Amino acid sequence: MPQLNLNPWFAILVFTWIIFLTVIPTKVLGHLSFNEPIPMSEEKHKTESWNWPW
């Protein structure tokens, strides 16, 4: 039964996880976000109380 022979499949598994854990995260984290958040001004907005007609 070739499924029980670990020689080729274990090496394929290890190399696949090495690629997943090293190459792919560096490519994903290398992208820049074009819409970076802009900090809001710290001035307080003036709010008025509501004038209820009853």
PDB file of N, CA and C in Angstrom:
ATOM      1  N   MET A   1       0.849  -1.188   0.000  1.00  0.00           N
ATOM      2  CA  MET A   1       0.000   0.000   0.000  1.00  0.00           C
ATOM      3  C   MET A   1       0.896   1.253   0.000  1.00  0.00           C
ATOM      4  N   PRO A   2       0.876   2.057  -1.047  1.00  0.00           N
ATOM      5  CA  PRO A   2       1.776   3.201  -1.128  1.00  0.00           C
ATOM      6  C   PRO A   2       1.392   4.333  -0.172  1.00  0.00           C
ATOM      7  N   GLN A   3       0.171   4.342   0.337  1.00  0.00           N
ATOM      8  CA  GLN A   3      -0.222   5.412   1.252  1.00  0.00           C
ATOM      9  C   GLN A   3       0.526   5.312   2.583  1.00  0.00           C
ATOM     10  N   LEU A   4       0.989   4.144   2.927  1.00  0.00           N
ATOM     11  CA  LEU A   4       1.672   3.971   4.206  1.00  0.00           C
ATOM     12  C   LEU A   4       3.163   4.264   4.116  1.00  0.00           C
ATOM     13  N   ASN A   5       3.689   4.441   2.927  1.00  0.00           N
ATOM     14  CA  ASN A   5       5.098   4.770   2.762  1.00  0.00           C
ATOM     15  C   ASN A   5       5.268   6.273   3.003  1.00  0.00           C
ATOM     16  N   LEU A   6       5.947   6.633   4.090  1.00  0.00           N
ATOM     17  CA  LEU A   6       6.057   8.039   4.474  1.00  0.00           C
ATOM     18  C   LEU A   6       7.177   8.780   3.755  1.00  0.00           C
ATOM     19  N   ASN A   7       8.015   8.092   3.038  1.00  0.00           N
ATOM     20  CA  ASN A   7       9.185   8.756   2.459  1.00  0.00           C
ATOM     21  C   ASN A   7       8.828   9.926   1.549  1.00  0.00           C
ATOM     22  N   PRO A   8       8.036   9.784   0.491  1.00  0.00           N
ATOM     23  CA  PRO A   8       7.789  10.967  -0.339  1.00  0.00           C
ATOM     24  C   PRO A   8       6.743  11.909   0.255  1.00  0.00           C
ATOM     25  N   TRP A   9       5.736  11.371   0.931  1.00  0.00           N
ATOM     26  CA  TRP A   9       4.618  12.213   1.360  1.00  0.00           C
ATOM     27  C   TRP A   9       4.971  13.097   2.539  1.00  0.00           C
ATOM     28  N   PHE A  10       5.813  12.619   3.423  1.00  0.00           N
ATOM     29  CA  PHE A  10       6.211  13.447   4.561  1.00  0.00           C
ATOM     30  C   PHE A  10       7.078  14.610   4.093  1.00  0.00           C
ATOM     31  N   ALA A  11       7.946  14.367   3.140  1.00  0.00           N
ATOM     32  CA  ALA A  11       8.782  15.446   2.603  1.00  0.00           C
ATOM     33  C   ALA A  11       7.924  16.478   1.879  1.00  0.00           C
ATOM     34  N   ILE A  12       6.930  16.033   1.123  1.00  0.00           N
ATOM     35  CA  ILE A  12       6.026  16.955   0.441  1.00  0.00           C
ATOM     36  C   ILE A  12       5.255  17.785   1.466  1.00  0.00           C
ATOM     37  N   LEU A  13       4.792  17.159   2.528  1.00  0.00           N
ATOM     38  CA  LEU A  13       4.066  17.876   3.579  1.00  0.00           C
ATOM     39  C   LEU A  13       4.955  18.927   4.240  1.00  0.00           C
ATOM     40  N   VAL A  14       6.183  18.564   4.555  1.00  0.00           N
ATOM     41  CA  VAL A  14       7.091  19.499   5.229  1.00  0.00           C
ATOM     42  C   VAL A  14       7.426  20.671   4.316  1.00  0.00           C
ATOM     43  N   PHE A  15       7.745  20.413   3.065  1.00  0.00           N
ATOM     44  CA  PHE A  15       8.092  21.492   2.146  1.00  0.00           C
ATOM     45  C   PHE A  15       6.888  22.392   1.852  1.00  0.00           C
ATOM     46  N   THR A  16       5.716  21.818   1.805  1.00  0.00           N
ATOM     47  CA  THR A  16       4.519  22.633   1.595  1.00  0.00           C
ATOM     48  C   THR A  16       4.299  23.575   2.764  1.00  0.00           C
ATOM     49  N   TRP A  17       4.451  23.093   3.988  1.00  0.00           N
ATOM     50  CA  TRP A  17       4.264  23.962   5.152  1.00  0.00           C
ATOM     51  C   TRP A  17       5.375  24.990   5.269  1.00  0.00           C
ATOM     52  N   ILE A  18       6.579  24.653   4.853  1.00  0.00           N
ATOM     53  CA  ILE A  18       7.654  25.653   4.847  1.00  0.00           C
ATOM     54  C   ILE A  18       7.304  26.777   3.884  1.00  0.00           C
ATOM     55  N   ILE A  19       6.775  26.426   2.725  1.00  0.00           N
ATOM     56  CA  ILE A  19       6.358  27.455   1.770  1.00  0.00           C
ATOM     57  C   ILE A  19       5.221  28.277   2.345  1.00  0.00           C
ATOM     58  N   PHE A  20       4.229  27.615   2.942  1.00  0.00           N
ATOM     59  CA  PHE A  20       3.097  28.344   3.517  1.00  0.00           C
ATOM     60  C   PHE A  20       3.532  29.303   4.618  1.00  0.00           C
ATOM     61  N   LEU A  21       4.478  28.898   5.433  1.00  0.00           N
ATOM     62  CA  LEU A  21       4.850  29.702   6.599  1.00  0.00           C
ATOM     63  C   LEU A  21       5.928  30.738   6.324  1.00  0.00           C
ATOM     64  N   THR A  22       6.604  30.671   5.190  1.00  0.00           N
ATOM     65  CA  THR A  22       7.656  31.643   4.919  1.00  0.00           C
ATOM     66  C   THR A  22       7.349  32.532   3.722  1.00  0.00           C
ATOM     67  N   VAL A  23       7.016  31.954   2.611  1.00  0.00           N
ATOM     68  CA  VAL A  23       6.870  32.729   1.379  1.00  0.00           C
ATOM     69  C   VAL A  23       5.552  33.480   1.341  1.00  0.00           C
ATOM     70  N   ILE A  24       4.466  32.807   1.611  1.00  0.00           N
ATOM     71  CA  ILE A  24       3.144  33.415   1.453  1.00  0.00           C
ATOM     72  C   ILE A  24       2.904  34.564   2.440  1.00  0.00           C
ATOM     73  N   PRO A  25       3.227  34.451   3.749  1.00  0.00           N
ATOM     74  CA  PRO A  25       2.993  35.611   4.636  1.00  0.00           C
ATOM     75  C   PRO A  25       3.815  36.836   4.250  1.00  0.00           C
ATOM     76  N   THR A  26       5.044  36.652   3.766  1.00  0.00           N
ATOM     77  CA  THR A  26       5.826  37.821   3.361  1.00  0.00           C
ATOM     78  C   THR A  26       5.222  38.497   2.141  1.00  0.00           C
ATOM     79  N   LYS A  27       4.636  37.723   1.237  1.00  0.00           N
ATOM     80  CA  LYS A  27       3.980  38.321   0.071  1.00  0.00           C
ATOM     81  C   LYS A  27       2.695  39.041   0.471  1.00  0.00           C
ATOM     82  N   VAL A  28       1.944  38.465   1.382  1.00  0.00           N
ATOM     83  CA  VAL A  28       0.686  39.084   1.800  1.00  0.00           C
ATOM     84  C   VAL A  28       0.955  40.357   2.598  1.00  0.00           C
ATOM     85  N   LEU A  29       1.929  40.326   3.496  1.00  0.00           N
ATOM     86  CA  LEU A  29       2.220  41.495   4.311  1.00  0.00           C
ATOM     87  C   LEU A  29       2.962  42.578   3.542  1.00  0.00           C
ATOM     88  N   GLY A  30       3.455  42.255   2.359  1.00  0.00           N
ATOM     89  CA  GLY A  30       4.165  43.234   1.559  1.00  0.00           C
ATOM     90  C   GLY A  30       3.257  44.219   0.849  1.00  0.00           C
ATOM     91  N   HIS A  31       1.962  43.943   0.793  1.00  0.00           N
ATOM     92  CA  HIS A  31       1.046  44.849   0.117  1.00  0.00           C
ATOM     93  C   HIS A  31       0.772  46.068   0.987  1.00  0.00           C
ATOM     94  N   LEU A  32       0.661  47.212   0.346  1.00  0.00           N
ATOM     95  CA  LEU A  32       0.373  48.441   1.067  1.00  0.00           C
ATOM     96  C   LEU A  32      -1.113  48.746   0.992  1.00  0.00           C
ATOM     97  N   SER A  33      -1.603  49.335   2.034  1.00  0.00           N
ATOM     98  CA  SER A  33      -2.997  49.766   2.053  1.00  0.00           C
ATOM     99  C   SER A  33      -3.062  51.183   1.488  1.00  0.00           C
ATOM    100  N   PHE A  34      -3.837  51.392   0.426  1.00  0.00           N
ATOM    101  CA  PHE A  34      -3.908  52.699  -0.191  1.00  0.00           C
ATOM    102  C   PHE A  34      -4.821  53.645   0.574  1.00  0.00           C
ATOM    103  N   ASN A  35      -5.759  53.126   1.309  1.00  0.00           N
ATOM    104  CA  ASN A  35      -6.692  53.957   2.066  1.00  0.00           C
ATOM    105  C   ASN A  35      -6.340  53.909   3.541  1.00  0.00           C
ATOM    106  N   GLU A  36      -5.224  54.523   3.883  1.00  0.00           N
ATOM    107  CA  GLU A  36      -4.827  54.532   5.284  1.00  0.00           C
ATOM    108  C   GLU A  36      -5.689  55.542   6.042  1.00  0.00           C
ATOM    109  N   PRO A  37      -6.045  55.232   7.282  1.00  0.00           N
ATOM    110  CA  PRO A  37      -6.923  56.135   8.032  1.00  0.00           C
ATOM    111  C   PRO A  37      -6.235  57.461   8.361  1.00  0.00           C
ATOM    112  N   ILE A  38      -6.997  58.521   8.259  1.00  0.00           N
ATOM    113  CA  ILE A  38      -6.501  59.858   8.575  1.00  0.00           C
ATOM    114  C   ILE A  38      -7.018  60.223   9.964  1.00  0.00           C
ATOM    115  N   PRO A  39      -6.144  60.656  10.879  1.00  0.00           N
ATOM    116  CA  PRO A  39      -6.632  61.000  12.222  1.00  0.00           C
ATOM    117  C   PRO A  39      -7.554  62.219  12.173  1.00  0.00           C
ATOM    118  N   MET A  40      -8.617  62.136  12.946  1.00  0.00           N
ATOM    119  CA  MET A  40      -9.574  63.234  13.014  1.00  0.00           C
ATOM    120  C   MET A  40      -8.996  64.358  13.867  1.00  0.00           C
ATOM    121  N   SER A  41      -9.505  65.565  13.647  1.00  0.00           N
ATOM    122  CA  SER A  41      -9.062  66.684  14.473  1.00  0.00           C
ATOM    123  C   SER A  41      -9.603  66.491  15.888  1.00  0.00           C
ATOM    124  N   GLU A  42      -8.875  67.019  16.841  1.00  0.00           N
ATOM    125  CA  GLU A  42      -9.239  66.792  18.231  1.00  0.00           C
ATOM    126  C   GLU A  42     -10.174  67.871  18.786  1.00  0.00           C
ATOM    127  N   GLU A  43     -10.606  68.798  17.949  1.00  0.00           N
ATOM    128  CA  GLU A  43     -11.507  69.835  18.451  1.00  0.00           C
ATOM    129  C   GLU A  43     -12.870  69.229  18.741  1.00  0.00           C
ATOM    130  N   LYS A  44     -13.487  69.720  19.791  1.00  0.00           N
ATOM    131  CA  LYS A  44     -14.803  69.221  20.187  1.00  0.00           C
ATOM    132  C   LYS A  44     -15.863  69.885  19.325  1.00  0.00           C
ATOM    133  N   HIS A  45     -16.794  69.108  18.880  1.00  0.00           N
ATOM    134  CA  HIS A  45     -17.891  69.665  18.115  1.00  0.00           C
ATOM    135  C   HIS A  45     -18.934  70.224  19.075  1.00  0.00           C
ATOM    136  N   LYS A  46     -19.403  71.398  18.746  1.00  0.00           N
ATOM    137  CA  LYS A  46     -20.372  72.049  19.622  1.00  0.00           C
ATOM    138  C   LYS A  46     -21.744  71.429  19.373  1.00  0.00           C
ATOM    139  N   THR A  47     -22.329  70.916  20.420  1.00  0.00           N
ATOM    140  CA  THR A  47     -23.671  70.341  20.302  1.00  0.00           C
ATOM    141  C   THR A  47     -24.649  71.225  21.042  1.00  0.00           C
ATOM    142  N   GLU A  48     -25.811  71.334  20.464  1.00  0.00           N
ATOM    143  CA  GLU A  48     -26.851  72.149  21.103  1.00  0.00           C
ATOM    144  C   GLU A  48     -27.918  71.237  21.677  1.00  0.00           C
ATOM    145  N   SER A  49     -28.510  71.687  22.776  1.00  0.00           N
ATOM    146  CA  SER A  49     -29.582  70.888  23.357  1.00  0.00           C
ATOM    147  C   SER A  49     -30.845  71.044  22.536  1.00  0.00           C
ATOM    148  N   TRP A  50     -31.678  70.045  22.563  1.00  0.00           N
ATOM    149  CA  TRP A  50     -32.902  70.094  21.773  1.00  0.00           C
ATOM    150  C   TRP A  50     -33.962  70.892  22.539  1.00  0.00           C
ATOM    151  N   ASN A  51     -34.689  71.631  21.801  1.00  0.00           N
ATOM    152  CA  ASN A  51     -35.754  72.441  22.380  1.00  0.00           C
ATOM    153  C   ASN A  51     -37.079  71.756  22.056  1.00  0.00           C
ATOM    154  N   TRP A  52     -37.574  70.951  22.988  1.00  0.00           N
ATOM    155  CA  TRP A  52     -38.802  70.207  22.734  1.00  0.00           C
ATOM    156  C   TRP A  52     -40.010  71.131  22.914  1.00  0.00           C
ATOM    157  N   PRO A  53     -40.981  71.083  21.984  1.00  0.00           N
ATOM    158  CA  PRO A  53     -42.106  72.023  22.022  1.00  0.00           C
ATOM    159  C   PRO A  53     -43.179  71.671  23.041  1.00  0.00           C
ATOM    160  N   TRP A  54     -43.120  70.616  23.783  1.00  0.00           N
ATOM    161  CA  TRP A  54     -44.195  70.334  24.726  1.00  0.00           C
ATOM    162  C   TRP A  54     -43.897  70.965  26.008  1.00  0.00           C
TER     163      TRP A  54
END
